[in-house]
Each structure stands twice: as C-alpha cells, then as structure tokens.
Amino acid sequence: MKNQDSFNWDYQNPHVLEFQVLKESIDLLGHVNNKVYLDWCEHVSWDHSKSLGITPKKYLELRCACVVVKNKIEYLGSLFENDRVVISTWITETDSKLKLSRLFQVIRVQDNKTVFRSNVDYVCINLDNYKPTKMPDLFKEAYKVTSN
C-alpha cells in the first residue's frame, strides 16, 4: 500500500484499512454490491475502536454500546473484482454524553479516487434495555474528534 498520507483523504489523521475486492463481493450488475461497503465500514470502525481500547468485550462488560441511528451514504463510483481500496474513518463529532458521529471514506488505490463516503450518527445505548444511556468514562476519554 502507498503511504496513507498520499491519498486524497477528507481529513488528516485517517485510521486506515486496505481491502481487495473479492469475486463474492460482486453483484449481478458486475460491480461491488452496496452492502459490502457497509461491511468495510464496520470492519474499520471496530479496528479504530480497538486501537482506542474499546473492544467488543468492553462493550459487554460495560453493558453499553454505540449503535447507528442515521447513515448518509454517497456512492461516487464503482469498484470491480481485484480493485484495491483503502477505507478510513474519523470521529467527526461527539458530545461526550450520548452521541458521536463518524465519517467513512473509501478510495480506489489505482487512481486515488473517492468512490464512497458515509456520515454515520451513533447513540450510546444500555445493552440491558436498549435505551439511550450516558457514555461511560472509557467512551468519553477514547472517542475524541479525530478529524482535525
């Protein structure tokens, strides 16, 4: 992979993963199926959270999690089998109480073109009753804005 700073990221400080488009990711139209982008977003989101010390195990121990409540998606190009992509996420907003937002960006490596962008809003919920709850201290400390 090229140096991550050489890509046309929307913000500095990207948390990056790289993928190669597999045959099973291709839909009947011959390009990557829309749901694959969401899978990549989930992978990079978890990887970023783990790098901040928040693992699935921590979610279960704390009995709370951040869940998607809104997702604004832009499909800006197509990907095909064997294309290489880099995907990044940033935390773009947080109130350090209940809500946070992430931006996801997918860039096709061969031409440095952004082919997907998604702005996602999350709310912290209690895993016992699935109702909104205040973020635990770990979330407040770890989930800081990274898009500056």
C-alpha atoms as a PDB file:
ATOM      1  CA  MET A   1       0.000   0.000   0.000  1.00  0.00           C
ATOM      2  CA  LYS A   2       1.141   3.537  -0.702  1.00  0.00           C
ATOM      3  CA  ASN A   3       1.847   5.787   2.232  1.00  0.00           C
ATOM      4  CA  GLN A   4      -1.567   6.617   3.712  1.00  0.00           C
ATOM      5  CA  ASP A   5      -0.737  10.328   3.558  1.00  0.00           C
ATOM      6  CA  SER A   6      -0.501  10.136  -0.249  1.00  0.00           C
ATOM      7  CA  PHE A   7      -4.252   9.530  -0.611  1.00  0.00           C
ATOM      8  CA  ASN A   8      -6.846  12.285  -1.071  1.00  0.00           C
ATOM      9  CA  TRP A   9      -8.352  11.979   2.407  1.00  0.00           C
ATOM     10  CA  ASP A  10     -11.061  14.376   3.503  1.00  0.00           C
ATOM     11  CA  TYR A  11      -9.228  14.912   6.812  1.00  0.00           C
ATOM     12  CA  GLN A  12      -5.823  14.340   8.366  1.00  0.00           C
ATOM     13  CA  ASN A  13      -5.181  11.509  10.828  1.00  0.00           C
ATOM     14  CA  PRO A  14      -7.014   8.713   8.966  1.00  0.00           C
ATOM     15  CA  HIS A  15      -7.427   5.307  10.572  1.00  0.00           C
ATOM     16  CA  VAL A  16      -6.915   3.106   7.521  1.00  0.00           C
ATOM     17  CA  LEU A  17      -7.525  -0.477   6.438  1.00  0.00           C
ATOM     18  CA  GLU A  18      -6.895  -1.889   2.973  1.00  0.00           C
ATOM     19  CA  PHE A  19      -9.037  -4.423   1.115  1.00  0.00           C
ATOM     20  CA  GLN A  20      -9.003  -6.137  -2.249  1.00  0.00           C
ATOM     21  CA  VAL A  21     -12.354  -6.628  -3.944  1.00  0.00           C
ATOM     22  CA  LEU A  22     -13.166 -10.340  -3.990  1.00  0.00           C
ATOM     23  CA  LYS A  23     -15.299 -12.160  -6.543  1.00  0.00           C
ATOM     24  CA  GLU A  24     -18.008 -12.806  -3.921  1.00  0.00           C
ATOM     25  CA  SER A  25     -18.351  -9.034  -3.419  1.00  0.00           C
ATOM     26  CA  ILE A  26     -19.593  -8.562  -6.988  1.00  0.00           C
ATOM     27  CA  ASP A  27     -23.345  -8.328  -7.610  1.00  0.00           C
ATOM     28  CA  LEU A  28     -25.403  -9.119 -10.709  1.00  0.00           C
ATOM     29  CA  LEU A  29     -24.565  -5.684 -12.150  1.00  0.00           C
ATOM     30  CA  GLY A  30     -20.886  -6.653 -12.210  1.00  0.00           C
ATOM     31  CA  HIS A  31     -19.650  -4.252  -9.543  1.00  0.00           C
ATOM     32  CA  VAL A  32     -19.282  -4.279  -5.753  1.00  0.00           C
ATOM     33  CA  ASN A  33     -22.615  -4.778  -4.001  1.00  0.00           C
ATOM     34  CA  ASN A  34     -23.720  -1.806  -1.874  1.00  0.00           C
ATOM     35  CA  LYS A  35     -23.782  -3.863   1.337  1.00  0.00           C
ATOM     36  CA  VAL A  36     -20.059  -4.648   1.001  1.00  0.00           C
ATOM     37  CA  TYR A  37     -19.206  -1.000   1.632  1.00  0.00           C
ATOM     38  CA  LEU A  38     -21.162  -1.185   4.896  1.00  0.00           C
ATOM     39  CA  ASP A  39     -19.221  -4.315   5.886  1.00  0.00           C
ATOM     40  CA  TRP A  40     -15.957  -2.471   5.248  1.00  0.00           C
ATOM     41  CA  CYS A  41     -17.209   0.446   7.362  1.00  0.00           C
ATOM     42  CA  GLU A  42     -17.980  -1.927  10.203  1.00  0.00           C
ATOM     43  CA  HIS A  43     -14.507  -3.507   9.976  1.00  0.00           C
ATOM     44  CA  VAL A  44     -12.648  -0.202  10.032  1.00  0.00           C
ATOM     45  CA  SER A  45     -14.907   1.144  12.797  1.00  0.00           C
ATOM     46  CA  TRP A  46     -14.178  -1.835  15.050  1.00  0.00           C
ATOM     47  CA  ASP A  47     -10.477  -1.689  14.203  1.00  0.00           C
ATOM     48  CA  HIS A  48     -10.393   2.001  15.108  1.00  0.00           C
ATOM     49  CA  SER A  49     -12.313   1.415  18.346  1.00  0.00           C
ATOM     50  CA  LYS A  50      -9.937  -1.416  19.296  1.00  0.00           C
ATOM     51  CA  SER A  51      -6.972   0.910  18.704  1.00  0.00           C
ATOM     52  CA  LEU A  52      -8.624   3.280  21.214  1.00  0.00           C
ATOM     53  CA  GLY A  53      -9.025   0.488  23.784  1.00  0.00           C
ATOM     54  CA  ILE A  54     -12.713  -0.211  23.159  1.00  0.00           C
ATOM     55  CA  THR A  55     -13.294  -3.830  22.215  1.00  0.00           C
ATOM     56  CA  PRO A  56     -16.489  -5.877  21.851  1.00  0.00           C
ATOM     57  CA  LYS A  57     -15.581  -7.422  25.214  1.00  0.00           C
ATOM     58  CA  LYS A  58     -15.532  -3.943  26.803  1.00  0.00           C
ATOM     59  CA  TYR A  59     -18.987  -3.218  25.359  1.00  0.00           C
ATOM     60  CA  LEU A  60     -20.299  -6.355  27.048  1.00  0.00           C
ATOM     61  CA  GLU A  61     -18.514  -5.659  30.346  1.00  0.00           C
ATOM     62  CA  LEU A  62     -19.828  -2.079  30.454  1.00  0.00           C
ATOM     63  CA  ARG A  63     -23.295  -3.202  29.222  1.00  0.00           C
ATOM     64  CA  CYS A  64     -23.436  -0.358  26.720  1.00  0.00           C
ATOM     65  CA  ALA A  65     -22.608   0.223  23.079  1.00  0.00           C
ATOM     66  CA  CYS A  66     -22.740   2.872  20.368  1.00  0.00           C
ATOM     67  CA  VAL A  67     -25.315   1.985  17.717  1.00  0.00           C
ATOM     68  CA  VAL A  68     -26.124   3.537  14.340  1.00  0.00           C
ATOM     69  CA  VAL A  69     -29.160   5.836  14.289  1.00  0.00           C
ATOM     70  CA  LYS A  70     -28.545   7.635  10.996  1.00  0.00           C
ATOM     71  CA  ASN A  71     -26.407   6.957   7.941  1.00  0.00           C
ATOM     72  CA  LYS A  72     -25.973   9.338   4.997  1.00  0.00           C
ATOM     73  CA  ILE A  73     -24.305   7.460   2.129  1.00  0.00           C
ATOM     74  CA  GLU A  74     -22.807   8.701  -1.124  1.00  0.00           C
ATOM     75  CA  TYR A  75     -21.844   6.163  -3.801  1.00  0.00           C
ATOM     76  CA  LEU A  76     -19.432   8.122  -6.000  1.00  0.00           C
ATOM     77  CA  GLY A  77     -18.002   5.439  -8.291  1.00  0.00           C
ATOM     78  CA  SER A  78     -17.872   1.733  -8.954  1.00  0.00           C
ATOM     79  CA  LEU A  79     -15.446  -0.943  -7.828  1.00  0.00           C
ATOM     80  CA  PHE A  80     -14.723  -4.200  -9.596  1.00  0.00           C
ATOM     81  CA  GLU A  81     -13.120  -7.560  -8.827  1.00  0.00           C
ATOM     82  CA  ASN A  82      -9.456  -7.250  -7.784  1.00  0.00           C
ATOM     83  CA  ASP A  83      -9.617  -3.478  -7.254  1.00  0.00           C
ATOM     84  CA  ARG A  84      -7.634  -2.460  -4.194  1.00  0.00           C
ATOM     85  CA  VAL A  85      -9.233   0.052  -1.831  1.00  0.00           C
ATOM     86  CA  VAL A  86      -8.309   1.895   1.316  1.00  0.00           C
ATOM     87  CA  ILE A  87     -11.001   2.856   3.783  1.00  0.00           C
ATOM     88  CA  SER A  88     -10.666   5.283   6.620  1.00  0.00           C
ATOM     89  CA  THR A  89     -12.750   6.520   9.490  1.00  0.00           C
ATOM     90  CA  TRP A  90     -12.642   9.570  11.671  1.00  0.00           C
ATOM     91  CA  ILE A  91     -14.705  10.647  14.640  1.00  0.00           C
ATOM     92  CA  THR A  92     -16.064  13.964  13.413  1.00  0.00           C
ATOM     93  CA  GLU A  93     -18.293  14.963  16.339  1.00  0.00           C
ATOM     94  CA  THR A  94     -19.062  13.915  19.885  1.00  0.00           C
ATOM     95  CA  ASP A  95     -20.972  15.467  22.731  1.00  0.00           C
ATOM     96  CA  SER A  96     -19.146  13.095  25.163  1.00  0.00           C
ATOM     97  CA  LYS A  97     -22.544  12.331  26.673  1.00  0.00           C
ATOM     98  CA  LEU A  98     -24.752  10.339  24.336  1.00  0.00           C
ATOM     99  CA  LYS A  99     -23.845  10.911  20.675  1.00  0.00           C
ATOM    100  CA  LEU A 100     -20.932  10.651  18.297  1.00  0.00           C
ATOM    101  CA  SER A 101     -20.500  10.789  14.536  1.00  0.00           C
ATOM    102  CA  ARG A 102     -18.048   9.126  12.156  1.00  0.00           C
ATOM    103  CA  LEU A 103     -17.069   9.766   8.575  1.00  0.00           C
ATOM    104  CA  PHE A 104     -16.061   6.824   6.390  1.00  0.00           C
ATOM    105  CA  GLN A 105     -14.246   7.288   3.091  1.00  0.00           C
ATOM    106  CA  VAL A 106     -13.311   4.605   0.535  1.00  0.00           C
ATOM    107  CA  ILE A 107     -10.609   5.382  -2.019  1.00  0.00           C
ATOM    108  CA  ARG A 108      -9.707   3.222  -5.017  1.00  0.00           C
ATOM    109  CA  VAL A 109      -5.930   2.800  -4.786  1.00  0.00           C
ATOM    110  CA  GLN A 110      -5.145   2.721  -8.522  1.00  0.00           C
ATOM    111  CA  ASP A 111      -6.380   6.259  -9.217  1.00  0.00           C
ATOM    112  CA  ASN A 112      -6.754   7.749  -5.710  1.00  0.00           C
ATOM    113  CA  LYS A 113     -10.480   8.350  -6.370  1.00  0.00           C
ATOM    114  CA  THR A 114     -13.035   8.531  -3.573  1.00  0.00           C
ATOM    115  CA  VAL A 115     -15.778   6.065  -4.527  1.00  0.00           C
ATOM    116  CA  PHE A 116     -17.805   6.039  -1.297  1.00  0.00           C
ATOM    117  CA  ARG A 117     -18.423   8.359   1.614  1.00  0.00           C
ATOM    118  CA  SER A 118     -20.692   7.837   4.606  1.00  0.00           C
ATOM    119  CA  ASN A 119     -21.555  10.069   7.562  1.00  0.00           C
ATOM    120  CA  VAL A 120     -22.891   7.994  10.441  1.00  0.00           C
ATOM    121  CA  ASP A 121     -24.509   9.139  13.686  1.00  0.00           C
ATOM    122  CA  TYR A 122     -24.386   6.882  16.738  1.00  0.00           C
ATOM    123  CA  VAL A 123     -26.103   6.897  20.107  1.00  0.00           C
ATOM    124  CA  CYS A 124     -24.870   5.138  23.221  1.00  0.00           C
ATOM    125  CA  ILE A 125     -27.384   2.576  24.497  1.00  0.00           C
ATOM    126  CA  ASN A 126     -27.718   0.333  27.528  1.00  0.00           C
ATOM    127  CA  LEU A 127     -27.416  -3.320  26.481  1.00  0.00           C
ATOM    128  CA  ASP A 128     -29.896  -4.468  29.129  1.00  0.00           C
ATOM    129  CA  ASN A 129     -32.854  -2.382  27.952  1.00  0.00           C
ATOM    130  CA  TYR A 130     -31.624  -0.974  24.595  1.00  0.00           C
ATOM    131  CA  LYS A 131     -32.472   2.574  25.636  1.00  0.00           C
ATOM    132  CA  PRO A 132     -30.141   5.579  25.288  1.00  0.00           C
ATOM    133  CA  THR A 133     -27.696   5.990  28.153  1.00  0.00           C
ATOM    134  CA  LYS A 134     -24.820   8.290  29.025  1.00  0.00           C
ATOM    135  CA  MET A 135     -21.416   7.274  27.723  1.00  0.00           C
ATOM    136  CA  PRO A 136     -19.184   5.591  30.277  1.00  0.00           C
ATOM    137  CA  ASP A 137     -15.898   7.336  31.106  1.00  0.00           C
ATOM    138  CA  LEU A 138     -13.966   4.980  28.801  1.00  0.00           C
ATOM    139  CA  PHE A 139     -16.024   6.129  25.803  1.00  0.00           C
ATOM    140  CA  LYS A 140     -15.736   9.810  26.770  1.00  0.00           C
ATOM    141  CA  GLU A 141     -11.947   9.515  27.046  1.00  0.00           C
ATOM    142  CA  ALA A 142     -11.404   7.392  23.919  1.00  0.00           C
ATOM    143  CA  TYR A 143     -13.953   8.753  21.457  1.00  0.00           C
ATOM    144  CA  LYS A 144     -12.429  12.172  20.769  1.00  0.00           C
ATOM    145  CA  VAL A 145     -12.749  14.061  17.500  1.00  0.00           C
ATOM    146  CA  THR A 146     -10.001  12.824  15.168  1.00  0.00           C
ATOM    147  CA  SER A 147     -10.860  14.821  12.050  1.00  0.00           C
ATOM    148  CA  ASN A 148      -8.728  17.881  12.762  1.00  0.00           C
END
